[in-house]
């Protein structure tokens, strides 16, 4: 009896979540095009996780190129505070894949703030398609339009400070 009622409750929760994904709009907190695109792709629950990472990357984060070799570039992403934890993102320029030392994407399937800062510093305005997992999509099986936009070479030692002008009311 308890098992059946738990199943009924689970189905009811899924129906409510599906209805919310289909008919409710999520609140955007920045003016970034990437946030708008991801709000249309991710389910509401996963978009909120992504949105937290995006806002964290925009507030008081900076990136610096540590190593720039033939096949990959290593970025160091940190908060402006001294002593704050530092993330290290290795961007493979051959296959256009980034890996972060925090491994958030590998464990949760949501790009971490370190990767987002690196993407912004490379002037990438769309989420690369290999970071759009269909299991987090509003409609599973839908094709993503995200592609790597031409990523220019960034001079060694360049930094990106906060995205203050892009925040609406955070």
C-alpha atoms as a PDB file:
ATOM      1  CA  UNK A   1       0.000   0.000   0.000  1.00  0.00           C
ATOM      2  CA  UNK A   2       2.784   2.479   0.882  1.00  0.00           C
ATOM      3  CA  UNK A   3       4.672   1.552  -2.255  1.00  0.00           C
ATOM      4  CA  UNK A   4       1.645   2.309  -4.447  1.00  0.00           C
ATOM      5  CA  UNK A   5       1.022   5.656  -2.755  1.00  0.00           C
ATOM      6  CA  UNK A   6       4.713   6.560  -3.169  1.00  0.00           C
ATOM      7  CA  UNK A   7       4.452   5.747  -6.879  1.00  0.00           C
ATOM      8  CA  UNK A   8       1.313   7.835  -7.217  1.00  0.00           C
ATOM      9  CA  UNK A   9       3.045  10.743  -5.454  1.00  0.00           C
ATOM     10  CA  UNK A  10       6.111  10.413  -7.681  1.00  0.00           C
ATOM     11  CA  UNK A  11       3.972  10.430 -10.826  1.00  0.00           C
ATOM     12  CA  UNK A  12       2.074  13.463  -9.518  1.00  0.00           C
ATOM     13  CA  UNK A  13       5.344  15.338  -8.879  1.00  0.00           C
ATOM     14  CA  UNK A  14       6.592  14.494 -12.382  1.00  0.00           C
ATOM     15  CA  UNK A  15       3.347  15.760 -13.918  1.00  0.00           C
ATOM     16  CA  UNK A  16       3.637  19.053 -11.991  1.00  0.00           C
ATOM     17  CA  UNK A  17       7.295  19.455 -13.056  1.00  0.00           C
ATOM     18  CA  UNK A  18       6.457  18.676 -16.704  1.00  0.00           C
ATOM     19  CA  UNK A  19       3.600  21.173 -16.620  1.00  0.00           C
ATOM     20  CA  UNK A  20       5.861  23.861 -15.131  1.00  0.00           C
ATOM     21  CA  UNK A  21       8.549  23.166 -17.748  1.00  0.00           C
ATOM     22  CA  UNK A  22       6.001  23.455 -20.538  1.00  0.00           C
ATOM     23  CA  UNK A  23       3.969  26.491 -19.487  1.00  0.00           C
ATOM     24  CA  UNK A  24       5.916  28.581 -16.958  1.00  0.00           C
ATOM     25  CA  UNK A  25       8.788  30.898 -17.793  1.00  0.00           C
ATOM     26  CA  UNK A  26      11.836  31.045 -15.590  1.00  0.00           C
ATOM     27  CA  UNK A  27      12.983  34.368 -14.209  1.00  0.00           C
ATOM     28  CA  UNK A  28      16.143  35.641 -15.855  1.00  0.00           C
ATOM     29  CA  UNK A  29      18.541  37.438 -13.531  1.00  0.00           C
ATOM     30  CA  UNK A  30      21.030  38.759 -16.069  1.00  0.00           C
ATOM     31  CA  UNK A  31      20.942  40.268 -19.532  1.00  0.00           C
ATOM     32  CA  UNK A  32      23.216  37.555 -20.896  1.00  0.00           C
ATOM     33  CA  UNK A  33      22.061  35.771 -24.037  1.00  0.00           C
ATOM     34  CA  UNK A  34      23.537  32.527 -22.689  1.00  0.00           C
ATOM     35  CA  UNK A  35      21.155  32.621 -19.721  1.00  0.00           C
ATOM     36  CA  UNK A  36      18.152  33.118 -21.999  1.00  0.00           C
ATOM     37  CA  UNK A  37      19.207  30.250 -24.279  1.00  0.00           C
ATOM     38  CA  UNK A  38      19.772  27.884 -21.363  1.00  0.00           C
ATOM     39  CA  UNK A  39      16.399  28.809 -19.808  1.00  0.00           C
ATOM     40  CA  UNK A  40      14.790  27.477 -22.975  1.00  0.00           C
ATOM     41  CA  UNK A  41      16.874  24.291 -22.972  1.00  0.00           C
ATOM     42  CA  UNK A  42      17.154  23.134 -19.331  1.00  0.00           C
ATOM     43  CA  UNK A  43      14.305  21.980 -17.116  1.00  0.00           C
ATOM     44  CA  UNK A  44      13.439  24.517 -14.413  1.00  0.00           C
ATOM     45  CA  UNK A  45      15.266  22.614 -11.665  1.00  0.00           C
ATOM     46  CA  UNK A  46      18.448  22.239 -13.707  1.00  0.00           C
ATOM     47  CA  UNK A  47      18.258  25.788 -15.026  1.00  0.00           C
ATOM     48  CA  UNK A  48      18.301  27.086 -11.444  1.00  0.00           C
ATOM     49  CA  UNK A  49      21.550  25.157 -10.847  1.00  0.00           C
ATOM     50  CA  UNK A  50      23.011  26.537 -14.067  1.00  0.00           C
ATOM     51  CA  UNK A  51      21.817  30.050 -13.208  1.00  0.00           C
ATOM     52  CA  UNK A  52      23.585  29.913  -9.823  1.00  0.00           C
ATOM     53  CA  UNK A  53      26.815  28.967 -11.562  1.00  0.00           C
ATOM     54  CA  UNK A  54      26.355  31.688 -14.186  1.00  0.00           C
ATOM     55  CA  UNK A  55      25.733  34.392 -11.590  1.00  0.00           C
ATOM     56  CA  UNK A  56      28.689  33.181  -9.529  1.00  0.00           C
ATOM     57  CA  UNK A  57      30.902  33.436 -12.601  1.00  0.00           C
ATOM     58  CA  UNK A  58      29.761  37.001 -13.222  1.00  0.00           C
ATOM     59  CA  UNK A  59      30.271  38.288  -9.713  1.00  0.00           C
ATOM     60  CA  UNK A  60      33.839  38.991  -8.801  1.00  0.00           C
ATOM     61  CA  UNK A  61      35.539  36.249 -10.850  1.00  0.00           C
ATOM     62  CA  UNK A  62      38.585  36.697 -13.001  1.00  0.00           C
ATOM     63  CA  UNK A  63      40.520  34.440 -15.288  1.00  0.00           C
ATOM     64  CA  UNK A  64      44.129  34.387 -16.298  1.00  0.00           C
ATOM     65  CA  UNK A  65      45.993  32.260 -18.814  1.00  0.00           C
ATOM     66  CA  UNK A  66      48.621  30.206 -17.008  1.00  0.00           C
ATOM     67  CA  UNK A  67      49.958  28.131 -19.898  1.00  0.00           C
ATOM     68  CA  UNK A  68      49.327  28.396 -23.607  1.00  0.00           C
ATOM     69  CA  UNK A  69      50.706  25.390 -25.444  1.00  0.00           C
ATOM     70  CA  UNK A  70      50.089  23.987 -28.905  1.00  0.00           C
ATOM     71  CA  UNK A  71      47.139  21.738 -28.127  1.00  0.00           C
ATOM     72  CA  UNK A  72      45.730  23.280 -24.956  1.00  0.00           C
ATOM     73  CA  UNK A  73      45.455  26.417 -22.870  1.00  0.00           C
ATOM     74  CA  UNK A  74      45.279  26.380 -19.080  1.00  0.00           C
ATOM     75  CA  UNK A  75      43.179  29.076 -17.404  1.00  0.00           C
ATOM     76  CA  UNK A  76      43.243  29.899 -13.715  1.00  0.00           C
ATOM     77  CA  UNK A  77      39.868  31.115 -12.461  1.00  0.00           C
ATOM     78  CA  UNK A  78      39.556  32.741  -9.059  1.00  0.00           C
ATOM     79  CA  UNK A  79      37.579  35.236  -7.084  1.00  0.00           C
ATOM     80  CA  UNK A  80      39.171  38.618  -6.566  1.00  0.00           C
ATOM     81  CA  UNK A  81      39.522  37.815  -2.854  1.00  0.00           C
ATOM     82  CA  UNK A  82      42.996  36.771  -1.862  1.00  0.00           C
ATOM     83  CA  UNK A  83      43.082  33.230  -0.506  1.00  0.00           C
ATOM     84  CA  UNK A  84      39.893  32.141  -2.299  1.00  0.00           C
ATOM     85  CA  UNK A  85      39.833  28.711  -3.945  1.00  0.00           C
ATOM     86  CA  UNK A  86      41.145  28.647  -7.475  1.00  0.00           C
ATOM     87  CA  UNK A  87      39.760  26.544 -10.305  1.00  0.00           C
ATOM     88  CA  UNK A  88      41.956  25.466 -13.172  1.00  0.00           C
ATOM     89  CA  UNK A  89      40.350  24.949 -16.572  1.00  0.00           C
ATOM     90  CA  UNK A  90      42.235  23.146 -19.323  1.00  0.00           C
ATOM     91  CA  UNK A  91      40.882  24.019 -22.734  1.00  0.00           C
ATOM     92  CA  UNK A  92      41.870  21.642 -25.526  1.00  0.00           C
ATOM     93  CA  UNK A  93      42.194  23.748 -28.666  1.00  0.00           C
ATOM     94  CA  UNK A  94      42.139  20.678 -30.929  1.00  0.00           C
ATOM     95  CA  UNK A  95      38.822  19.091 -29.902  1.00  0.00           C
ATOM     96  CA  UNK A  96      37.427  22.281 -28.255  1.00  0.00           C
ATOM     97  CA  UNK A  97      36.689  20.635 -24.906  1.00  0.00           C
ATOM     98  CA  UNK A  98      37.293  22.224 -21.520  1.00  0.00           C
ATOM     99  CA  UNK A  99      37.907  20.317 -18.282  1.00  0.00           C
ATOM    100  CA  UNK A 100      37.890  21.917 -14.850  1.00  0.00           C
ATOM    101  CA  UNK A 101      39.733  20.838 -11.721  1.00  0.00           C
ATOM    102  CA  UNK A 102      36.479  20.971  -9.696  1.00  0.00           C
ATOM    103  CA  UNK A 103      34.882  18.262 -11.943  1.00  0.00           C
ATOM    104  CA  UNK A 104      31.388  19.709 -11.519  1.00  0.00           C
ATOM    105  CA  UNK A 105      30.410  18.988 -15.108  1.00  0.00           C
ATOM    106  CA  UNK A 106      31.605  15.382 -14.881  1.00  0.00           C
ATOM    107  CA  UNK A 107      29.673  14.778 -11.649  1.00  0.00           C
ATOM    108  CA  UNK A 108      26.504  16.880 -12.109  1.00  0.00           C
ATOM    109  CA  UNK A 109      26.278  17.463 -15.852  1.00  0.00           C
ATOM    110  CA  UNK A 110      26.029  21.240 -15.374  1.00  0.00           C
ATOM    111  CA  UNK A 111      28.973  23.423 -16.478  1.00  0.00           C
ATOM    112  CA  UNK A 112      30.737  24.950 -13.479  1.00  0.00           C
ATOM    113  CA  UNK A 113      31.414  28.655 -12.907  1.00  0.00           C
ATOM    114  CA  UNK A 114      35.077  28.147 -13.800  1.00  0.00           C
ATOM    115  CA  UNK A 115      34.178  26.813 -17.251  1.00  0.00           C
ATOM    116  CA  UNK A 116      31.620  29.581 -17.734  1.00  0.00           C
ATOM    117  CA  UNK A 117      34.175  32.277 -16.910  1.00  0.00           C
ATOM    118  CA  UNK A 118      36.604  30.679 -19.361  1.00  0.00           C
ATOM    119  CA  UNK A 119      33.908  30.573 -22.070  1.00  0.00           C
ATOM    120  CA  UNK A 120      33.040  34.224 -21.470  1.00  0.00           C
ATOM    121  CA  UNK A 121      36.686  35.245 -21.574  1.00  0.00           C
ATOM    122  CA  UNK A 122      36.929  33.467 -24.938  1.00  0.00           C
ATOM    123  CA  UNK A 123      33.857  35.414 -26.122  1.00  0.00           C
ATOM    124  CA  UNK A 124      31.708  32.304 -26.553  1.00  0.00           C
ATOM    125  CA  UNK A 125      28.054  33.371 -26.436  1.00  0.00           C
ATOM    126  CA  UNK A 126      26.399  29.982 -26.927  1.00  0.00           C
ATOM    127  CA  UNK A 127      26.846  26.844 -24.894  1.00  0.00           C
ATOM    128  CA  UNK A 128      28.921  24.310 -26.857  1.00  0.00           C
ATOM    129  CA  UNK A 129      26.716  21.379 -27.853  1.00  0.00           C
ATOM    130  CA  UNK A 130      28.812  18.760 -26.046  1.00  0.00           C
ATOM    131  CA  UNK A 131      27.908  20.473 -22.732  1.00  0.00           C
ATOM    132  CA  UNK A 132      24.167  20.176 -23.407  1.00  0.00           C
ATOM    133  CA  UNK A 133      23.170  16.818 -22.000  1.00  0.00           C
ATOM    134  CA  UNK A 134      19.791  15.632 -23.241  1.00  0.00           C
ATOM    135  CA  UNK A 135      18.902  14.202 -19.830  1.00  0.00           C
ATOM    136  CA  UNK A 136      18.615  17.801 -18.508  1.00  0.00           C
ATOM    137  CA  UNK A 137      16.599  19.095 -21.473  1.00  0.00           C
ATOM    138  CA  UNK A 138      12.965  20.128 -21.185  1.00  0.00           C
ATOM    139  CA  UNK A 139      12.249  17.847 -24.108  1.00  0.00           C
ATOM    140  CA  UNK A 140      14.601  14.918 -24.127  1.00  0.00           C
ATOM    141  CA  UNK A 141      15.874  14.016 -27.513  1.00  0.00           C
ATOM    142  CA  UNK A 142      15.702  17.553 -28.870  1.00  0.00           C
ATOM    143  CA  UNK A 143      18.674  18.684 -30.878  1.00  0.00           C
ATOM    144  CA  UNK A 144      20.802  21.458 -29.441  1.00  0.00           C
ATOM    145  CA  UNK A 145      21.718  24.435 -31.555  1.00  0.00           C
ATOM    146  CA  UNK A 146      24.681  25.314 -29.375  1.00  0.00           C
ATOM    147  CA  UNK A 147      28.007  25.287 -31.161  1.00  0.00           C
ATOM    148  CA  UNK A 148      31.418  26.661 -30.452  1.00  0.00           C
ATOM    149  CA  UNK A 149      31.578  30.160 -31.762  1.00  0.00           C
ATOM    150  CA  UNK A 150      34.971  31.060 -33.225  1.00  0.00           C
ATOM    151  CA  UNK A 151      37.227  31.221 -30.185  1.00  0.00           C
ATOM    152  CA  UNK A 152      40.020  33.751 -30.661  1.00  0.00           C
ATOM    153  CA  UNK A 153      43.452  33.319 -29.150  1.00  0.00           C
ATOM    154  CA  UNK A 154      43.697  35.411 -25.990  1.00  0.00           C
ATOM    155  CA  UNK A 155      46.989  37.023 -25.025  1.00  0.00           C
ATOM    156  CA  UNK A 156      48.770  35.350 -22.128  1.00  0.00           C
ATOM    157  CA  UNK A 157      48.105  37.107 -18.826  1.00  0.00           C
ATOM    158  CA  UNK A 158      44.803  38.674 -19.917  1.00  0.00           C
ATOM    159  CA  UNK A 159      42.076  38.758 -17.272  1.00  0.00           C
ATOM    160  CA  UNK A 160      38.325  39.090 -17.166  1.00  0.00           C
ATOM    161  CA  UNK A 161      36.813  40.856 -14.192  1.00  0.00           C
ATOM    162  CA  UNK A 162      33.166  40.816 -13.151  1.00  0.00           C
ATOM    163  CA  UNK A 163      30.225  41.101 -15.525  1.00  0.00           C
ATOM    164  CA  UNK A 164      28.648  43.949 -13.538  1.00  0.00           C
ATOM    165  CA  UNK A 165      26.970  45.666 -16.502  1.00  0.00           C
ATOM    166  CA  UNK A 166      25.192  42.407 -17.425  1.00  0.00           C
ATOM    167  CA  UNK A 167      23.517  41.874 -14.063  1.00  0.00           C
ATOM    168  CA  UNK A 168      19.952  43.120 -13.758  1.00  0.00           C
ATOM    169  CA  UNK A 169      19.181  42.942 -10.073  1.00  0.00           C
ATOM    170  CA  UNK A 170      21.208  40.212  -8.480  1.00  0.00           C
END
